[in-house]
Amino acid sequence: MLLYFYLIALDCGMKKRLVEMVVDDTDYEKAYKSSLINCIQNCIQDANCKAAHYSNGFCFIIYMDVPRLIPYPGSSYFDKVCNFTYRKYDIIYK
């Protein structure tokens, strides 16, 4: 019997939410000082990352599927999306 394994190439990116949000303090896994670009790249490369938010020079990596979100002016919240069908008005950071 032969077994075949197929690898699906996941084309992942980060989709920015239009509302400025942060995650409750108990719902993120990692926090560190970073640039926005490094924050996005680290989440894309982390297989467990579901989302990230960036605020005041700090990156917060979220592993939860549904974290508690809090409005916070000046922050950026990104959802990780993989194998996404793009629409003309979607902005995806890779």
PDB file of N, CA and C in Angstrom:
ATOM      1  N   MET A   1       0.838  -1.162   0.000  1.00  0.00           N
ATOM      2  CA  MET A   1       0.000   0.000   0.000  1.00  0.00           C
ATOM      3  C   MET A   1       0.894   1.239   0.000  1.00  0.00           C
ATOM      4  N   LEU A   2       0.623   2.158  -0.875  1.00  0.00           N
ATOM      5  CA  LEU A   2       1.385   3.395  -0.955  1.00  0.00           C
ATOM      6  C   LEU A   2       0.589   4.523  -0.309  1.00  0.00           C
ATOM      7  N   LEU A   3       1.289   5.321   0.454  1.00  0.00           N
ATOM      8  CA  LEU A   3       0.654   6.490   1.061  1.00  0.00           C
ATOM      9  C   LEU A   3       1.198   7.732   0.385  1.00  0.00           C
ATOM     10  N   TYR A   4       0.330   8.616   0.043  1.00  0.00           N
ATOM     11  CA  TYR A   4       0.728   9.875  -0.574  1.00  0.00           C
ATOM     12  C   TYR A   4       0.410  11.012   0.375  1.00  0.00           C
ATOM     13  N   PHE A   5       1.344  11.886   0.531  1.00  0.00           N
ATOM     14  CA  PHE A   5       1.144  13.060   1.360  1.00  0.00           C
ATOM     15  C   PHE A   5       1.224  14.284   0.473  1.00  0.00           C
ATOM     16  N   TYR A   6       0.265  15.144   0.651  1.00  0.00           N
ATOM     17  CA  TYR A   6       0.229  16.377  -0.120  1.00  0.00           C
ATOM     18  C   TYR A   6       0.466  17.547   0.812  1.00  0.00           C
ATOM     19  N   LEU A   7       1.347  18.419   0.416  1.00  0.00           N
ATOM     20  CA  LEU A   7       1.594  19.631   1.177  1.00  0.00           C
ATOM     21  C   LEU A   7       0.832  20.767   0.521  1.00  0.00           C
ATOM     22  N   ILE A   8       0.007  21.425   1.299  1.00  0.00           N
ATOM     23  CA  ILE A   8      -0.732  22.573   0.792  1.00  0.00           C
ATOM     24  C   ILE A   8       0.072  23.813   1.134  1.00  0.00           C
ATOM     25  N   ALA A   9       0.421  24.554   0.129  1.00  0.00           N
ATOM     26  CA  ALA A   9       1.170  25.784   0.352  1.00  0.00           C
ATOM     27  C   ALA A   9       0.197  26.833   0.868  1.00  0.00           C
ATOM     28  N   LEU A  10       0.422  27.287   2.077  1.00  0.00           N
ATOM     29  CA  LEU A  10      -0.443  28.297   2.660  1.00  0.00           C
ATOM     30  C   LEU A  10       0.074  29.674   2.302  1.00  0.00           C
ATOM     31  N   ASP A  11      -0.708  30.387   1.559  1.00  0.00           N
ATOM     32  CA  ASP A  11      -0.379  31.755   1.208  1.00  0.00           C
ATOM     33  C   ASP A  11      -1.019  32.643   2.269  1.00  0.00           C
ATOM     34  N   CYS A  12      -0.241  33.062   3.254  1.00  0.00           N
ATOM     35  CA  CYS A  12      -0.783  33.812   4.383  1.00  0.00           C
ATOM     36  C   CYS A  12      -0.380  35.274   4.328  1.00  0.00           C
ATOM     37  N   GLY A  13      -1.229  36.090   4.879  1.00  0.00           N
ATOM     38  CA  GLY A  13      -0.976  37.512   5.002  1.00  0.00           C
ATOM     39  C   GLY A  13      -1.731  38.034   6.207  1.00  0.00           C
ATOM     40  N   MET A  14      -1.614  39.312   6.449  1.00  0.00           N
ATOM     41  CA  MET A  14      -2.284  39.940   7.586  1.00  0.00           C
ATOM     42  C   MET A  14      -3.272  40.974   7.057  1.00  0.00           C
ATOM     43  N   LYS A  15      -4.513  40.851   7.489  1.00  0.00           N
ATOM     44  CA  LYS A  15      -5.565  41.781   7.078  1.00  0.00           C
ATOM     45  C   LYS A  15      -5.842  42.737   8.228  1.00  0.00           C
ATOM     46  N   LYS A  16      -5.674  44.028   7.956  1.00  0.00           N
ATOM     47  CA  LYS A  16      -5.855  45.044   8.985  1.00  0.00           C
ATOM     48  C   LYS A  16      -7.336  45.338   9.185  1.00  0.00           C
ATOM     49  N   ARG A  17      -7.746  45.379  10.447  1.00  0.00           N
ATOM     50  CA  ARG A  17      -9.123  45.773  10.759  1.00  0.00           C
ATOM     51  C   ARG A  17      -9.227  47.289  10.682  1.00  0.00           C
ATOM     52  N   LEU A  18     -10.365  47.756  10.257  1.00  0.00           N
ATOM     53  CA  LEU A  18     -10.564  49.189  10.106  1.00  0.00           C
ATOM     54  C   LEU A  18     -10.700  49.905  11.445  1.00  0.00           C
ATOM     55  N   VAL A  19     -11.127  49.192  12.471  1.00  0.00           N
ATOM     56  CA  VAL A  19     -11.304  49.779  13.798  1.00  0.00           C
ATOM     57  C   VAL A  19     -10.024  49.576  14.601  1.00  0.00           C
ATOM     58  N   GLU A  20      -9.610  50.597  15.335  1.00  0.00           N
ATOM     59  CA  GLU A  20      -8.396  50.505  16.152  1.00  0.00           C
ATOM     60  C   GLU A  20      -8.712  49.736  17.432  1.00  0.00           C
ATOM     61  N   MET A  21      -8.132  48.548  17.562  1.00  0.00           N
ATOM     62  CA  MET A  21      -8.419  47.647  18.677  1.00  0.00           C
ATOM     63  C   MET A  21      -7.134  47.099  19.283  1.00  0.00           C
ATOM     64  N   VAL A  22      -7.229  46.701  20.545  1.00  0.00           N
ATOM     65  CA  VAL A  22      -6.175  45.943  21.211  1.00  0.00           C
ATOM     66  C   VAL A  22      -6.829  44.714  21.847  1.00  0.00           C
ATOM     67  N   VAL A  23      -6.009  43.782  22.298  1.00  0.00           N
ATOM     68  CA  VAL A  23      -6.485  42.557  22.917  1.00  0.00           C
ATOM     69  C   VAL A  23      -6.382  42.695  24.432  1.00  0.00           C
ATOM     70  N   ASP A  24      -7.338  42.110  25.130  1.00  0.00           N
ATOM     71  CA  ASP A  24      -7.300  42.080  26.585  1.00  0.00           C
ATOM     72  C   ASP A  24      -5.948  41.519  27.054  1.00  0.00           C
ATOM     73  N   ASP A  25      -5.444  42.008  28.175  1.00  0.00           N
ATOM     74  CA  ASP A  25      -4.112  41.623  28.666  1.00  0.00           C
ATOM     75  C   ASP A  25      -3.920  40.125  28.864  1.00  0.00           C
ATOM     76  N   THR A  26      -4.978  39.370  29.085  1.00  0.00           N
ATOM     77  CA  THR A  26      -4.833  37.940  29.329  1.00  0.00           C
ATOM     78  C   THR A  26      -4.955  37.100  28.060  1.00  0.00           C
ATOM     79  N   ASP A  27      -5.187  37.734  26.907  1.00  0.00           N
ATOM     80  CA  ASP A  27      -5.470  36.981  25.685  1.00  0.00           C
ATOM     81  C   ASP A  27      -4.338  36.935  24.661  1.00  0.00           C
ATOM     82  N   TYR A  28      -3.192  37.515  24.933  1.00  0.00           N
ATOM     83  CA  TYR A  28      -2.081  37.420  23.988  1.00  0.00           C
ATOM     84  C   TYR A  28      -1.002  36.509  24.550  1.00  0.00           C
ATOM     85  N   GLU A  29      -0.220  35.923  23.643  1.00  0.00           N
ATOM     86  CA  GLU A  29       0.818  34.976  24.047  1.00  0.00           C
ATOM     87  C   GLU A  29       2.187  35.616  24.198  1.00  0.00           C
ATOM     88  N   LYS A  30       2.516  36.526  23.300  1.00  0.00           N
ATOM     89  CA  LYS A  30       3.841  37.144  23.311  1.00  0.00           C
ATOM     90  C   LYS A  30       3.689  38.650  23.170  1.00  0.00           C
ATOM     91  N   ALA A  31       4.573  39.383  23.801  1.00  0.00           N
ATOM     92  CA  ALA A  31       4.652  40.837  23.636  1.00  0.00           C
ATOM     93  C   ALA A  31       6.126  41.220  23.624  1.00  0.00           C
ATOM     94  N   TYR A  32       6.499  42.059  22.669  1.00  0.00           N
ATOM     95  CA  TYR A  32       7.888  42.488  22.584  1.00  0.00           C
ATOM     96  C   TYR A  32       7.975  43.782  21.780  1.00  0.00           C
ATOM     97  N   LYS A  33       9.041  44.518  22.013  1.00  0.00           N
ATOM     98  CA  LYS A  33       9.274  45.760  21.276  1.00  0.00           C
ATOM     99  C   LYS A  33       9.686  45.396  19.860  1.00  0.00           C
ATOM    100  N   SER A  34       9.064  46.055  18.878  1.00  0.00           N
ATOM    101  CA  SER A  34       9.294  45.675  17.483  1.00  0.00           C
ATOM    102  C   SER A  34       8.819  46.783  16.567  1.00  0.00           C
ATOM    103  N   SER A  35       9.195  46.672  15.310  1.00  0.00           N
ATOM    104  CA  SER A  35       8.616  47.543  14.291  1.00  0.00           C
ATOM    105  C   SER A  35       7.334  46.891  13.785  1.00  0.00           C
ATOM    106  N   LEU A  36       6.499  47.655  13.126  1.00  0.00           N
ATOM    107  CA  LEU A  36       5.253  47.121  12.583  1.00  0.00           C
ATOM    108  C   LEU A  36       5.529  46.037  11.553  1.00  0.00           C
ATOM    109  N   ILE A  37       6.495  46.248  10.681  1.00  0.00           N
ATOM    110  CA  ILE A  37       6.826  45.269   9.642  1.00  0.00           C
ATOM    111  C   ILE A  37       7.291  43.956  10.272  1.00  0.00           C
ATOM    112  N   ASN A  38       8.174  44.014  11.276  1.00  0.00           N
ATOM    113  CA  ASN A  38       8.639  42.791  11.946  1.00  0.00           C
ATOM    114  C   ASN A  38       7.499  42.092  12.673  1.00  0.00           C
ATOM    115  N   CYS A  39       6.594  42.843  13.240  1.00  0.00           N
ATOM    116  CA  CYS A  39       5.450  42.269  13.936  1.00  0.00           C
ATOM    117  C   CYS A  39       4.602  41.451  12.959  1.00  0.00           C
ATOM    118  N   ILE A  40       4.305  42.023  11.802  1.00  0.00           N
ATOM    119  CA  ILE A  40       3.507  41.337  10.783  1.00  0.00           C
ATOM    120  C   ILE A  40       4.229  40.088  10.295  1.00  0.00           C
ATOM    121  N   GLN A  41       5.517  40.195   9.996  1.00  0.00           N
ATOM    122  CA  GLN A  41       6.285  39.060   9.502  1.00  0.00           C
ATOM    123  C   GLN A  41       6.370  37.935  10.531  1.00  0.00           C
ATOM    124  N   ASN A  42       6.547  38.290  11.808  1.00  0.00           N
ATOM    125  CA  ASN A  42       6.636  37.271  12.849  1.00  0.00           C
ATOM    126  C   ASN A  42       5.336  36.489  12.981  1.00  0.00           C
ATOM    127  N   CYS A  43       4.207  37.153  12.859  1.00  0.00           N
ATOM    128  CA  CYS A  43       2.932  36.453  12.931  1.00  0.00           C
ATOM    129  C   CYS A  43       2.737  35.550  11.715  1.00  0.00           C
ATOM    130  N   ILE A  44       3.087  36.035  10.540  1.00  0.00           N
ATOM    131  CA  ILE A  44       2.946  35.231   9.324  1.00  0.00           C
ATOM    132  C   ILE A  44       3.794  33.958   9.425  1.00  0.00           C
ATOM    133  N   GLN A  45       4.994  34.067   9.982  1.00  0.00           N
ATOM    134  CA  GLN A  45       5.905  32.929  10.067  1.00  0.00           C
ATOM    135  C   GLN A  45       5.587  31.989  11.232  1.00  0.00           C
ATOM    136  N   ASP A  46       4.801  32.427  12.200  1.00  0.00           N
ATOM    137  CA  ASP A  46       4.436  31.611  13.357  1.00  0.00           C
ATOM    138  C   ASP A  46       3.162  30.828  13.027  1.00  0.00           C
ATOM    139  N   ALA A  47       3.264  29.514  12.953  1.00  0.00           N
ATOM    140  CA  ALA A  47       2.123  28.675  12.569  1.00  0.00           C
ATOM    141  C   ALA A  47       0.955  28.788  13.547  1.00  0.00           C
ATOM    142  N   ASN A  48       1.217  29.123  14.805  1.00  0.00           N
ATOM    143  CA  ASN A  48       0.160  29.214  15.812  1.00  0.00           C
ATOM    144  C   ASN A  48      -0.505  30.587  15.873  1.00  0.00           C
ATOM    145  N   CYS A  49       0.093  31.574  15.256  1.00  0.00           N
ATOM    146  CA  CYS A  49      -0.422  32.938  15.327  1.00  0.00           C
ATOM    147  C   CYS A  49      -1.750  33.052  14.575  1.00  0.00           C
ATOM    148  N   LYS A  50      -2.738  33.643  15.231  1.00  0.00           N
ATOM    149  CA  LYS A  50      -4.049  33.880  14.620  1.00  0.00           C
ATOM    150  C   LYS A  50      -4.244  35.359  14.294  1.00  0.00           C
ATOM    151  N   ALA A  51      -3.583  36.226  15.075  1.00  0.00           N
ATOM    152  CA  ALA A  51      -3.728  37.670  14.898  1.00  0.00           C
ATOM    153  C   ALA A  51      -2.580  38.364  15.620  1.00  0.00           C
ATOM    154  N   ALA A  52      -2.463  39.668  15.376  1.00  0.00           N
ATOM    155  CA  ALA A  52      -1.459  40.481  16.069  1.00  0.00           C
ATOM    156  C   ALA A  52      -1.995  41.893  16.191  1.00  0.00           C
ATOM    157  N   HIS A  53      -1.582  42.566  17.244  1.00  0.00           N
ATOM    158  CA  HIS A  53      -1.864  43.999  17.286  1.00  0.00           C
ATOM    159  C   HIS A  53      -0.586  44.735  17.643  1.00  0.00           C
ATOM    160  N   TYR A  54      -0.519  45.946  17.124  1.00  0.00           N
ATOM    161  CA  TYR A  54       0.685  46.763  17.271  1.00  0.00           C
ATOM    162  C   TYR A  54       0.273  48.084  17.889  1.00  0.00           C
ATOM    163  N   SER A  55       0.951  48.454  18.973  1.00  0.00           N
ATOM    164  CA  SER A  55       0.606  49.689  19.663  1.00  0.00           C
ATOM    165  C   SER A  55       1.825  50.233  20.395  1.00  0.00           C
ATOM    166  N   ASN A  56       2.089  51.514  20.216  1.00  0.00           N
ATOM    167  CA  ASN A  56       3.168  52.210  20.932  1.00  0.00           C
ATOM    168  C   ASN A  56       4.517  51.517  20.825  1.00  0.00           C
ATOM    169  N   GLY A  57       4.840  50.958  19.644  1.00  0.00           N
ATOM    170  CA  GLY A  57       6.133  50.316  19.429  1.00  0.00           C
ATOM    171  C   GLY A  57       6.225  48.890  19.937  1.00  0.00           C
ATOM    172  N   PHE A  58       5.116  48.308  20.360  1.00  0.00           N
ATOM    173  CA  PHE A  58       5.105  46.933  20.849  1.00  0.00           C
ATOM    174  C   PHE A  58       4.206  46.057  19.996  1.00  0.00           C
ATOM    175  N   CYS A  59       4.649  44.826  19.799  1.00  0.00           N
ATOM    176  CA  CYS A  59       3.912  43.828  19.029  1.00  0.00           C
ATOM    177  C   CYS A  59       3.321  42.808  20.000  1.00  0.00           C
ATOM    178  N   PHE A  60       2.051  42.480  19.802  1.00  0.00           N
ATOM    179  CA  PHE A  60       1.362  41.495  20.629  1.00  0.00           C
ATOM    180  C   PHE A  60       0.874  40.381  19.708  1.00  0.00           C
ATOM    181  N   ILE A  61       1.335  39.158  19.953  1.00  0.00           N
ATOM    182  CA  ILE A  61       0.977  37.999  19.140  1.00  0.00           C
ATOM    183  C   ILE A  61      -0.153  37.239  19.837  1.00  0.00           C
ATOM    184  N   ILE A  62      -1.209  36.945  19.078  1.00  0.00           N
ATOM    185  CA  ILE A  62      -2.394  36.300  19.631  1.00  0.00           C
ATOM    186  C   ILE A  62      -2.540  34.902  19.036  1.00  0.00           C
ATOM    187  N   TYR A  63      -2.720  33.898  19.897  1.00  0.00           N
ATOM    188  CA  TYR A  63      -2.939  32.522  19.457  1.00  0.00           C
ATOM    189  C   TYR A  63      -4.403  32.105  19.580  1.00  0.00           C
ATOM    190  N   MET A  64      -5.217  32.890  20.246  1.00  0.00           N
ATOM    191  CA  MET A  64      -6.625  32.555  20.457  1.00  0.00           C
ATOM    192  C   MET A  64      -7.439  32.796  19.186  1.00  0.00           C
ATOM    193  N   ASP A  65      -8.454  31.958  18.972  1.00  0.00           N
ATOM    194  CA  ASP A  65      -9.334  32.154  17.825  1.00  0.00           C
ATOM    195  C   ASP A  65     -10.236  33.371  18.002  1.00  0.00           C
ATOM    196  N   VAL A  66     -10.721  33.589  19.227  1.00  0.00           N
ATOM    197  CA  VAL A  66     -11.633  34.706  19.480  1.00  0.00           C
ATOM    198  C   VAL A  66     -11.187  35.446  20.752  1.00  0.00           C
ATOM    199  N   PRO A  67     -10.200  36.329  20.622  1.00  0.00           N
ATOM    200  CA  PRO A  67      -9.758  37.088  21.796  1.00  0.00           C
ATOM    201  C   PRO A  67     -10.751  38.212  22.121  1.00  0.00           C
ATOM    202  N   ARG A  68     -10.679  38.695  23.352  1.00  0.00           N
ATOM    203  CA  ARG A  68     -11.506  39.843  23.748  1.00  0.00           C
ATOM    204  C   ARG A  68     -10.841  41.118  23.252  1.00  0.00           C
ATOM    205  N   LEU A  69     -11.570  41.900  22.482  1.00  0.00           N
ATOM    206  CA  LEU A  69     -11.032  43.115  21.878  1.00  0.00           C
ATOM    207  C   LEU A  69     -11.550  44.350  22.601  1.00  0.00           C
ATOM    208  N   ILE A  70     -10.666  45.339  22.705  1.00  0.00           N
ATOM    209  CA  ILE A  70     -10.975  46.591  23.378  1.00  0.00           C
ATOM    210  C   ILE A  70     -10.597  47.731  22.434  1.00  0.00           C
ATOM    211  N   PRO A  71     -11.494  48.706  22.208  1.00  0.00           N
ATOM    212  CA  PRO A  71     -11.133  49.860  21.371  1.00  0.00           C
ATOM    213  C   PRO A  71      -9.972  50.637  22.007  1.00  0.00           C
ATOM    214  N   TYR A  72      -8.996  51.008  21.172  1.00  0.00           N
ATOM    215  CA  TYR A  72      -7.840  51.739  21.675  1.00  0.00           C
ATOM    216  C   TYR A  72      -7.276  52.602  20.551  1.00  0.00           C
ATOM    217  N   PRO A  73      -7.428  53.924  20.641  1.00  0.00           N
ATOM    218  CA  PRO A  73      -6.942  54.809  19.567  1.00  0.00           C
ATOM    219  C   PRO A  73      -5.432  54.698  19.361  1.00  0.00           C
ATOM    220  N   GLY A  74      -5.016  54.721  18.106  1.00  0.00           N
ATOM    221  CA  GLY A  74      -3.602  54.697  17.769  1.00  0.00           C
ATOM    222  C   GLY A  74      -2.999  53.315  17.621  1.00  0.00           C
ATOM    223  N   SER A  75      -3.802  52.268  17.728  1.00  0.00           N
ATOM    224  CA  SER A  75      -3.279  50.913  17.592  1.00  0.00           C
ATOM    225  C   SER A  75      -3.721  50.304  16.269  1.00  0.00           C
ATOM    226  N   SER A  76      -3.062  49.234  15.877  1.00  0.00           N
ATOM    227  CA  SER A  76      -3.403  48.522  14.642  1.00  0.00           C
ATOM    228  C   SER A  76      -3.614  47.061  14.971  1.00  0.00           C
ATOM    229  N   TYR A  77      -4.726  46.491  14.499  1.00  0.00           N
ATOM    230  CA  TYR A  77      -5.050  45.094  14.753  1.00  0.00           C
ATOM    231  C   TYR A  77      -5.105  44.365  13.418  1.00  0.00           C
ATOM    232  N   PHE A  78      -4.431  43.222  13.337  1.00  0.00           N
ATOM    233  CA  PHE A  78      -4.347  42.454  12.097  1.00  0.00           C
ATOM    234  C   PHE A  78      -4.802  41.016  12.339  1.00  0.00           C
ATOM    235  N   ASP A  79      -5.669  40.524  11.474  1.00  0.00           N
ATOM    236  CA  ASP A  79      -6.061  39.114  11.487  1.00  0.00           C
ATOM    237  C   ASP A  79      -5.207  38.378  10.464  1.00  0.00           C
ATOM    238  N   LYS A  80      -4.741  37.189  10.819  1.00  0.00           N
ATOM    239  CA  LYS A  80      -3.980  36.369   9.881  1.00  0.00           C
ATOM    240  C   LYS A  80      -4.970  35.634   8.977  1.00  0.00           C
ATOM    241  N   VAL A  81      -4.747  35.732   7.689  1.00  0.00           N
ATOM    242  CA  VAL A  81      -5.601  35.044   6.719  1.00  0.00           C
ATOM    243  C   VAL A  81      -4.709  34.222   5.796  1.00  0.00           C
ATOM    244  N   CYS A  82      -5.146  32.998   5.532  1.00  0.00           N
ATOM    245  CA  CYS A  82      -4.384  32.103   4.666  1.00  0.00           C
ATOM    246  C   CYS A  82      -5.280  31.612   3.538  1.00  0.00           C
ATOM    247  N   ASN A  83      -4.679  31.453   2.351  1.00  0.00           N
ATOM    248  CA  ASN A  83      -5.409  31.007   1.160  1.00  0.00           C
ATOM    249  C   ASN A  83      -6.665  31.837   0.960  1.00  0.00           C
ATOM    250  N   PHE A  84      -6.492  33.127   1.000  1.00  0.00           N
ATOM    251  CA  PHE A  84      -7.571  34.099   0.972  1.00  0.00           C
ATOM    252  C   PHE A  84      -7.936  34.452  -0.465  1.00  0.00           C
ATOM    253  N   THR A  85      -9.218  34.582  -0.740  1.00  0.00           N
ATOM    254  CA  THR A  85      -9.676  35.073  -2.041  1.00  0.00           C
ATOM    255  C   THR A  85      -9.750  36.591  -1.950  1.00  0.00           C
ATOM    256  N   TYR A  86      -8.916  37.246  -2.710  1.00  0.00           N
ATOM    257  CA  TYR A  86      -8.814  38.695  -2.624  1.00  0.00           C
ATOM    258  C   TYR A  86      -9.961  39.382  -3.360  1.00  0.00           C
ATOM    259  N   ARG A  87     -10.431  40.446  -2.745  1.00  0.00           N
ATOM    260  CA  ARG A  87     -11.387  41.328  -3.400  1.00  0.00           C
ATOM    261  C   ARG A  87     -10.666  42.641  -3.653  1.00  0.00           C
ATOM    262  N   LYS A  88     -11.140  43.422  -4.562  1.00  0.00           N
ATOM    263  CA  LYS A  88     -10.403  44.608  -4.970  1.00  0.00           C
ATOM    264  C   LYS A  88     -10.200  45.626  -3.848  1.00  0.00           C
ATOM    265  N   TYR A  89     -11.023  45.608  -2.794  1.00  0.00           N
ATOM    266  CA  TYR A  89     -10.886  46.581  -1.719  1.00  0.00           C
ATOM    267  C   TYR A  89     -10.188  46.005  -0.485  1.00  0.00           C
ATOM    268  N   ASP A  90      -9.736  44.755  -0.515  1.00  0.00           N
ATOM    269  CA  ASP A  90      -9.019  44.180   0.613  1.00  0.00           C
ATOM    270  C   ASP A  90      -7.560  44.622   0.606  1.00  0.00           C
ATOM    271  N   ILE A  91      -7.057  44.938   1.772  1.00  0.00           N
ATOM    272  CA  ILE A  91      -5.640  45.285   1.933  1.00  0.00           C
ATOM    273  C   ILE A  91      -4.995  44.181   2.762  1.00  0.00           C
ATOM    274  N   ILE A  92      -4.088  43.445   2.158  1.00  0.00           N
ATOM    275  CA  ILE A  92      -3.410  42.355   2.836  1.00  0.00           C
ATOM    276  C   ILE A  92      -1.923  42.677   2.884  1.00  0.00           C
ATOM    277  N   TYR A  93      -1.345  42.595   4.077  1.00  0.00           N
ATOM    278  CA  TYR A  93       0.084  42.837   4.251  1.00  0.00           C
ATOM    279  C   TYR A  93       0.804  41.508   4.255  1.00  0.00           C
ATOM    280  N   LYS A  94       1.869  41.410   3.459  1.00  0.00           N
ATOM    281  CA  LYS A  94       2.650  40.173   3.397  1.00  0.00           C
ATOM    282  C   LYS A  94       4.101  40.471   3.666  1.00  0.00           C
TER     283      LYS A  94
END
